[in-house]
C-alpha atoms as a PDB file:
ATOM      1  CA  MET A   1       9.139 162.361-122.503  1.00  0.00           C
ATOM      2  CA  ILE A   2       5.630 162.025-121.105  1.00  0.00           C
ATOM      3  CA  TRP A   3       5.552 162.848-117.401  1.00  0.00           C
ATOM      4  CA  ASP A   4       3.038 162.309-114.669  1.00  0.00           C
ATOM      5  CA  LEU A   5       2.795 165.378-112.415  1.00  0.00           C
ATOM      6  CA  GLY A   6       2.041 164.755-108.742  1.00  0.00           C
ATOM      7  CA  GLY A   7       4.404 162.213-107.241  1.00  0.00           C
ATOM      8  CA  THR A   8       6.656 162.271-110.315  1.00  0.00           C
ATOM      9  CA  LEU A   9       7.661 165.791-111.339  1.00  0.00           C
ATOM     10  CA  LEU A  10       6.492 167.180-107.996  1.00  0.00           C
ATOM     11  CA  ASP A  11       7.176 165.490-104.656  1.00  0.00           C
ATOM     12  CA  THR A  12       3.609 165.612-103.354  1.00  0.00           C
ATOM     13  CA  TYR A  13       3.538 162.392-101.356  1.00  0.00           C
ATOM     14  CA  PRO A  14       5.088 163.482 -98.031  1.00  0.00           C
ATOM     15  CA  VAL A  15       2.363 166.074 -97.430  1.00  0.00           C
ATOM     16  CA  VAL A  16      -0.469 163.824 -98.652  1.00  0.00           C
ATOM     17  CA  ASP A  17       0.689 160.801 -96.655  1.00  0.00           C
ATOM     18  CA  ARG A  18       1.020 162.831 -93.447  1.00  0.00           C
ATOM     19  CA  ALA A  19      -2.381 164.467 -93.952  1.00  0.00           C
ATOM     20  CA  LEU A  20      -4.147 161.131 -94.389  1.00  0.00           C
ATOM     21  CA  ALA A  21      -2.245 159.474 -91.541  1.00  0.00           C
ATOM     22  CA  GLY A  22      -3.111 162.427 -89.325  1.00  0.00           C
ATOM     23  CA  ALA A  23      -6.795 162.133 -90.236  1.00  0.00           C
ATOM     24  CA  VAL A  24      -6.687 158.442 -89.332  1.00  0.00           C
ATOM     25  CA  GLN A  25      -5.112 159.173 -85.963  1.00  0.00           C
ATOM     26  CA  GLU A  26      -7.615 161.924 -85.265  1.00  0.00           C
ATOM     27  CA  GLY A  27     -10.476 159.609 -86.148  1.00  0.00           C
ATOM     28  CA  ARG A  28      -9.122 157.016 -83.757  1.00  0.00           C
ATOM     29  CA  GLY A  29      -8.940 159.459 -80.889  1.00  0.00           C
ATOM     30  CA  GLY A  30      -5.675 161.267 -81.507  1.00  0.00           C
ATOM     31  CA  GLY A  31      -2.015 160.465 -81.022  1.00  0.00           C
ATOM     32  CA  PRO A  32       1.229 161.048 -82.880  1.00  0.00           C
ATOM     33  CA  VAL A  33       1.739 159.896 -86.458  1.00  0.00           C
ATOM     34  CA  THR A  34       4.449 157.233 -86.545  1.00  0.00           C
ATOM     35  CA  ASP A  35       6.717 156.068 -89.342  1.00  0.00           C
ATOM     36  CA  ALA A  36       4.678 152.864 -89.453  1.00  0.00           C
ATOM     37  CA  ASP A  37       1.500 154.920 -89.946  1.00  0.00           C
ATOM     38  CA  LEU A  38       3.099 156.830 -92.815  1.00  0.00           C
ATOM     39  CA  HIS A  39       4.314 153.647 -94.478  1.00  0.00           C
ATOM     40  CA  ALA A  40       0.875 152.041 -94.248  1.00  0.00           C
ATOM     41  CA  VAL A  41      -0.624 155.076 -95.976  1.00  0.00           C
ATOM     42  CA  ALA A  42       2.175 155.277 -98.565  1.00  0.00           C
ATOM     43  CA  VAL A  43       1.477 151.755 -99.793  1.00  0.00           C
ATOM     44  CA  LEU A  44      -2.076 152.872-100.568  1.00  0.00           C
ATOM     45  CA  THR A  45      -1.474 156.327-102.029  1.00  0.00           C
ATOM     46  CA  ARG A  46       0.970 154.878-104.564  1.00  0.00           C
ATOM     47  CA  VAL A  47      -2.013 153.068-106.056  1.00  0.00           C
ATOM     48  CA  SER A  48      -4.210 156.182-105.986  1.00  0.00           C
ATOM     49  CA  SER A  49      -5.502 158.742-103.517  1.00  0.00           C
ATOM     50  CA  GLY A  50      -9.025 157.391-104.001  1.00  0.00           C
ATOM     51  CA  HIS A  51      -7.854 153.868-103.180  1.00  0.00           C
ATOM     52  CA  ALA A  52      -6.100 155.162-100.053  1.00  0.00           C
ATOM     53  CA  ILE A  53      -9.168 157.040 -98.838  1.00  0.00           C
ATOM     54  CA  THR A  54     -11.531 154.107 -99.433  1.00  0.00           C
ATOM     55  CA  THR A  55      -9.215 151.553 -97.847  1.00  0.00           C
ATOM     56  CA  LEU A  56      -8.343 153.654 -94.811  1.00  0.00           C
ATOM     57  CA  ALA A  57     -12.013 154.447 -94.198  1.00  0.00           C
ATOM     58  CA  GLN A  58     -12.917 150.758 -94.245  1.00  0.00           C
ATOM     59  CA  ARG A  59      -9.884 149.680 -92.262  1.00  0.00           C
ATOM     60  CA  HIS A  60     -10.317 152.164 -89.417  1.00  0.00           C
ATOM     61  CA  GLY A  61     -14.044 152.897 -89.477  1.00  0.00           C
ATOM     62  CA  ILE A  62     -13.508 156.541 -90.381  1.00  0.00           C
ATOM     63  CA  PRO A  63     -15.884 158.475 -92.670  1.00  0.00           C
ATOM     64  CA  GLN A  64     -14.486 158.849 -96.155  1.00  0.00           C
ATOM     65  CA  GLU A  65     -15.558 162.485 -96.033  1.00  0.00           C
ATOM     66  CA  ASP A  66     -13.060 163.200 -93.244  1.00  0.00           C
ATOM     67  CA  LEU A  67     -10.206 161.630 -95.181  1.00  0.00           C
ATOM     68  CA  ARG A  68     -11.247 163.364 -98.385  1.00  0.00           C
ATOM     69  CA  ALA A  69     -11.310 166.715 -96.567  1.00  0.00           C
ATOM     70  CA  ALA A  70      -7.779 166.120 -95.274  1.00  0.00           C
ATOM     71  CA  TYR A  71      -6.611 165.293 -98.788  1.00  0.00           C
ATOM     72  CA  GLU A  72      -8.272 168.328-100.361  1.00  0.00           C
ATOM     73  CA  ALA A  73      -6.746 170.564 -97.685  1.00  0.00           C
ATOM     74  CA  THR A  74      -3.279 169.669 -98.966  1.00  0.00           C
ATOM     75  CA  LYS A  75      -4.164 171.185-102.339  1.00  0.00           C
ATOM     76  CA  GLU A  76      -5.105 174.435-100.645  1.00  0.00           C
ATOM     77  CA  THR A  77      -1.739 174.653 -98.875  1.00  0.00           C
ATOM     78  CA  TRP A  78      -0.004 174.282-102.248  1.00  0.00           C
ATOM     79  CA  ARG A  79      -1.515 177.569-103.415  1.00  0.00           C
ATOM     80  CA  HIS A  80       0.982 179.394-101.197  1.00  0.00           C
ATOM     81  CA  ASP A  81       3.473 176.611-100.419  1.00  0.00           C
ATOM     82  CA  PRO A  82       3.848 174.368-103.492  1.00  0.00           C
ATOM     83  CA  PRO A  83       5.402 170.913-103.197  1.00  0.00           C
ATOM     84  CA  PRO A  84       9.077 170.705-104.137  1.00  0.00           C
ATOM     85  CA  VAL A  85      10.252 169.625-107.552  1.00  0.00           C
ATOM     86  CA  THR A  86      11.357 165.998-107.393  1.00  0.00           C
ATOM     87  CA  GLU A  87      15.115 165.619-107.229  1.00  0.00           C
ATOM     88  CA  GLY A  88      16.569 165.173-110.699  1.00  0.00           C
ATOM     89  CA  ALA A  89      13.466 166.397-112.561  1.00  0.00           C
ATOM     90  CA  ARG A  90      14.977 169.672-113.763  1.00  0.00           C
ATOM     91  CA  GLU A  91      18.117 167.852-114.900  1.00  0.00           C
ATOM     92  CA  VAL A  92      16.205 165.288-116.948  1.00  0.00           C
ATOM     93  CA  MET A  93      13.851 167.866-118.437  1.00  0.00           C
ATOM     94  CA  GLY A  94      16.848 169.941-119.460  1.00  0.00           C
ATOM     95  CA  ALA A  95      18.434 166.918-121.107  1.00  0.00           C
ATOM     96  CA  VAL A  96      15.206 166.240-123.022  1.00  0.00           C
ATOM     97  CA  HIS A  97      15.110 169.785-124.379  1.00  0.00           C
ATOM     98  CA  ALA A  98      18.844 169.730-125.144  1.00  0.00           C
ATOM     99  CA  ALA A  99      18.300 166.595-127.232  1.00  0.00           C
ATOM    100  CA  GLY A 100      15.543 168.325-129.192  1.00  0.00           C
ATOM    101  CA  GLY A 101      12.732 166.523-127.425  1.00  0.00           C
ATOM    102  CA  LEU A 102       9.510 167.566-125.741  1.00  0.00           C
ATOM    103  CA  ASN A 103       8.503 167.491-122.088  1.00  0.00           C
ATOM    104  CA  LEU A 104       4.807 166.577-122.022  1.00  0.00           C
ATOM    105  CA  VAL A 105       2.531 166.028-119.029  1.00  0.00           C
ATOM    106  CA  ALA A 106      -0.448 163.695-118.626  1.00  0.00           C
ATOM    107  CA  THR A 107      -2.130 164.202-115.261  1.00  0.00           C
ATOM    108  CA  HIS A 108      -5.354 163.503-113.391  1.00  0.00           C
ATOM    109  CA  ARG A 109      -5.182 166.985-111.876  1.00  0.00           C
ATOM    110  CA  ASP A 110      -7.422 169.729-113.243  1.00  0.00           C
ATOM    111  CA  ARG A 111      -5.825 172.123-115.727  1.00  0.00           C
ATOM    112  CA  GLU A 112      -5.967 175.233-113.544  1.00  0.00           C
ATOM    113  CA  SER A 113      -4.327 173.493-110.588  1.00  0.00           C
ATOM    114  CA  ALA A 114      -1.702 171.743-112.728  1.00  0.00           C
ATOM    115  CA  SER A 115      -0.776 174.902-114.617  1.00  0.00           C
ATOM    116  CA  GLU A 116      -0.588 176.898-111.410  1.00  0.00           C
ATOM    117  CA  LEU A 117       1.710 174.365-109.753  1.00  0.00           C
ATOM    118  CA  LEU A 118       4.044 174.206-112.750  1.00  0.00           C
ATOM    119  CA  GLU A 119       4.244 177.992-112.866  1.00  0.00           C
ATOM    120  CA  GLN A 120       4.868 178.288-109.136  1.00  0.00           C
ATOM    121  CA  VAL A 121       7.847 175.936-109.212  1.00  0.00           C
ATOM    122  CA  GLY A 122       9.182 177.215-112.540  1.00  0.00           C
ATOM    123  CA  LEU A 123       8.891 174.062-114.615  1.00  0.00           C
ATOM    124  CA  ARG A 124       8.384 174.661-118.341  1.00  0.00           C
ATOM    125  CA  VAL A 125       6.508 171.938-120.185  1.00  0.00           C
ATOM    126  CA  ASP A 126       5.654 171.825-123.870  1.00  0.00           C
ATOM    127  CA  ASP A 127       2.111 170.527-123.489  1.00  0.00           C
ATOM    128  CA  LEU A 128      -0.312 169.393-120.825  1.00  0.00           C
ATOM    129  CA  VAL A 129      -3.233 166.948-120.985  1.00  0.00           C
ATOM    130  CA  CYS A 130      -5.554 166.715-117.988  1.00  0.00           C
ATOM    131  CA  ALA A 131      -8.153 164.039-117.271  1.00  0.00           C
ATOM    132  CA  PRO A 132     -10.824 166.595-116.237  1.00  0.00           C
ATOM    133  CA  ASP A 133     -10.622 168.038-119.762  1.00  0.00           C
ATOM    134  CA  GLY A 134     -12.610 164.986-120.863  1.00  0.00           C
ATOM    135  CA  PHE A 135     -10.108 162.108-120.842  1.00  0.00           C
ATOM    136  CA  PRO A 136     -10.518 158.880-118.850  1.00  0.00           C
ATOM    137  CA  ARG A 137      -8.073 158.376-116.019  1.00  0.00           C
ATOM    138  CA  LYS A 138      -5.056 156.137-116.297  1.00  0.00           C
ATOM    139  CA  PRO A 139      -4.555 153.189-116.786  1.00  0.00           C
ATOM    140  CA  ASP A 140      -6.687 154.094-119.785  1.00  0.00           C
ATOM    141  CA  PRO A 141      -4.170 155.184-122.477  1.00  0.00           C
ATOM    142  CA  ALA A 142      -6.298 158.028-123.862  1.00  0.00           C
ATOM    143  CA  MET A 143      -4.154 160.884-122.534  1.00  0.00           C
ATOM    144  CA  VAL A 144      -0.957 159.271-123.780  1.00  0.00           C
ATOM    145  CA  VAL A 145      -2.507 158.616-127.187  1.00  0.00           C
ATOM    146  CA  GLU A 146      -3.693 162.220-127.366  1.00  0.00           C
ATOM    147  CA  LEU A 147      -0.158 163.526-126.807  1.00  0.00           C
ATOM    148  CA  LEU A 148       1.284 161.116-129.363  1.00  0.00           C
ATOM    149  CA  THR A 149      -1.295 162.166-131.938  1.00  0.00           C
ATOM    150  CA  ARG A 150      -1.138 165.884-131.208  1.00  0.00           C
ATOM    151  CA  HIS A 151       2.648 166.010-131.617  1.00  0.00           C
ATOM    152  CA  ARG A 152       2.941 163.320-134.304  1.00  0.00           C
ATOM    153  CA  LEU A 153       5.255 161.235-132.171  1.00  0.00           C
ATOM    154  CA  ARG A 154       6.440 157.719-132.874  1.00  0.00           C
ATOM    155  CA  PRO A 155       5.733 155.660-129.727  1.00  0.00           C
ATOM    156  CA  ALA A 156       9.097 153.906-130.030  1.00  0.00           C
ATOM    157  CA  LEU A 157      10.876 157.257-129.567  1.00  0.00           C
ATOM    158  CA  VAL A 158       8.907 158.234-126.458  1.00  0.00           C
ATOM    159  CA  LEU A 159       9.461 157.469-122.771  1.00  0.00           C
ATOM    160  CA  ALA A 160       6.759 157.839-120.138  1.00  0.00           C
ATOM    161  CA  VAL A 161       7.539 158.034-116.440  1.00  0.00           C
ATOM    162  CA  GLY A 162       5.138 157.911-113.527  1.00  0.00           C
ATOM    163  CA  ASP A 163       5.003 156.901-109.894  1.00  0.00           C
ATOM    164  CA  ARG A 164       2.062 154.499-110.092  1.00  0.00           C
ATOM    165  CA  PRO A 165       1.474 151.208-111.901  1.00  0.00           C
ATOM    166  CA  ALA A 166      -1.426 152.877-113.735  1.00  0.00           C
ATOM    167  CA  ASP A 167       1.019 155.325-115.359  1.00  0.00           C
ATOM    168  CA  VAL A 168       3.093 152.472-116.743  1.00  0.00           C
ATOM    169  CA  ALA A 169       0.042 150.524-117.882  1.00  0.00           C
ATOM    170  CA  ALA A 170      -1.333 153.534-119.774  1.00  0.00           C
ATOM    171  CA  ALA A 171       1.984 154.087-121.523  1.00  0.00           C
ATOM    172  CA  GLU A 172       2.527 150.484-122.497  1.00  0.00           C
ATOM    173  CA  THR A 173      -1.015 150.093-123.844  1.00  0.00           C
ATOM    174  CA  ALA A 174      -0.235 153.054-126.127  1.00  0.00           C
ATOM    175  CA  GLY A 175       2.993 151.395-127.281  1.00  0.00           C
ATOM    176  CA  VAL A 176       5.248 153.662-125.218  1.00  0.00           C
ATOM    177  CA  ARG A 177       8.040 152.482-122.945  1.00  0.00           C
ATOM    178  CA  GLY A 178       6.801 153.071-119.410  1.00  0.00           C
ATOM    179  CA  ILE A 179       9.093 153.556-116.425  1.00  0.00           C
ATOM    180  CA  LEU A 180       7.945 153.372-112.803  1.00  0.00           C
ATOM    181  CA  LEU A 181       9.459 155.810-110.300  1.00  0.00           C
ATOM    182  CA  GLN A 182       9.288 153.783-107.108  1.00  0.00           C
ATOM    183  CA  THR A 183       9.497 155.150-103.583  1.00  0.00           C
ATOM    184  CA  PRO A 184      12.269 153.237-101.774  1.00  0.00           C
ATOM    185  CA  GLY A 185      10.725 150.831 -99.278  1.00  0.00           C
ATOM    186  CA  VAL A 186       7.253 150.914-100.873  1.00  0.00           C
ATOM    187  CA  GLU A 187       6.634 147.845-102.996  1.00  0.00           C
ATOM    188  CA  LEU A 188       4.180 148.232-105.868  1.00  0.00           C
ATOM    189  CA  GLU A 189       2.294 145.542-107.767  1.00  0.00           C
ATOM    190  CA  ALA A 190       3.491 146.126-111.304  1.00  0.00           C
ATOM    191  CA  PRO A 191       4.747 142.819-112.724  1.00  0.00           C
ATOM    192  CA  GLY A 192       7.455 143.284-115.316  1.00  0.00           C
ATOM    193  CA  ALA A 193       7.586 147.068-114.971  1.00  0.00           C
ATOM    194  CA  GLU A 194      10.883 148.832-115.539  1.00  0.00           C
ATOM    195  CA  ARG A 195      11.654 150.572-112.239  1.00  0.00           C
ATOM    196  CA  ILE A 196      13.846 153.427-111.060  1.00  0.00           C
ATOM    197  CA  THR A 197      14.238 155.038-107.646  1.00  0.00           C
ATOM    198  CA  SER A 198      15.677 158.354-108.869  1.00  0.00           C
ATOM    199  CA  LEU A 199      14.757 160.461-111.868  1.00  0.00           C
ATOM    200  CA  ARG A 200      18.469 160.966-112.532  1.00  0.00           C
ATOM    201  CA  GLU A 201      18.532 157.391-113.783  1.00  0.00           C
ATOM    202  CA  LEU A 202      16.668 158.686-116.848  1.00  0.00           C
ATOM    203  CA  VAL A 203      19.446 161.002-118.011  1.00  0.00           C
ATOM    204  CA  GLY A 204      21.293 158.217-119.789  1.00  0.00           C
ATOM    205  CA  LEU A 205      18.134 157.271-121.674  1.00  0.00           C
ATOM    206  CA  VAL A 206      17.730 160.696-123.240  1.00  0.00           C
ATOM    207  CA  GLU A 207      19.604 160.991-126.514  1.00  0.00           C
ATOM    208  CA  ALA A 208      19.390 163.220-129.569  1.00  0.00           C
ATOM    209  CA  PRO A 209      17.957 161.331-132.561  1.00  0.00           C
ATOM    210  CA  SER A 210      20.627 160.165-135.025  1.00  0.00           C
END
């Protein structure tokens, strides 16, 4: 199993969405963050944080630097208060190991931050590939291909799960079955993608090789 990290194994979105929505409200003169504000941000962050920051800055006339600062501040809070493990993640990872498989991670996060987060929440992965190590970001398949090559894996026996269309696109370009973890109520443009709304839906897909 090839996992994305933030938004997939770790439930990072609630904090990120609220931080960006709060920055928007502050830039517009203050006021409470509403559910509608959070939803408007969520639609953007599920594409990418960079897309959310650029779009919100243009939409509301707010400096990108202010939004970027709000986003980066969330990472600092995770040093002492890490995001929770996504519901069902430990169960699926356990099933993968029980079936003799590997739990691998391909993430845009830097290695130090990713390793620290995994250690803080007690998730054991078998390998980790990070874009800042010199790999292009998804939807480029380079990180997926690297994991396949490094562990001599047959693409047909691998699943990849992520929370963004780019995760699925990277997997499928590498010949791997990609599965999109979708936030209920947040529609994503990913034509033909196989979708789930809970990681527990993956348990039945994990089997020991015959």
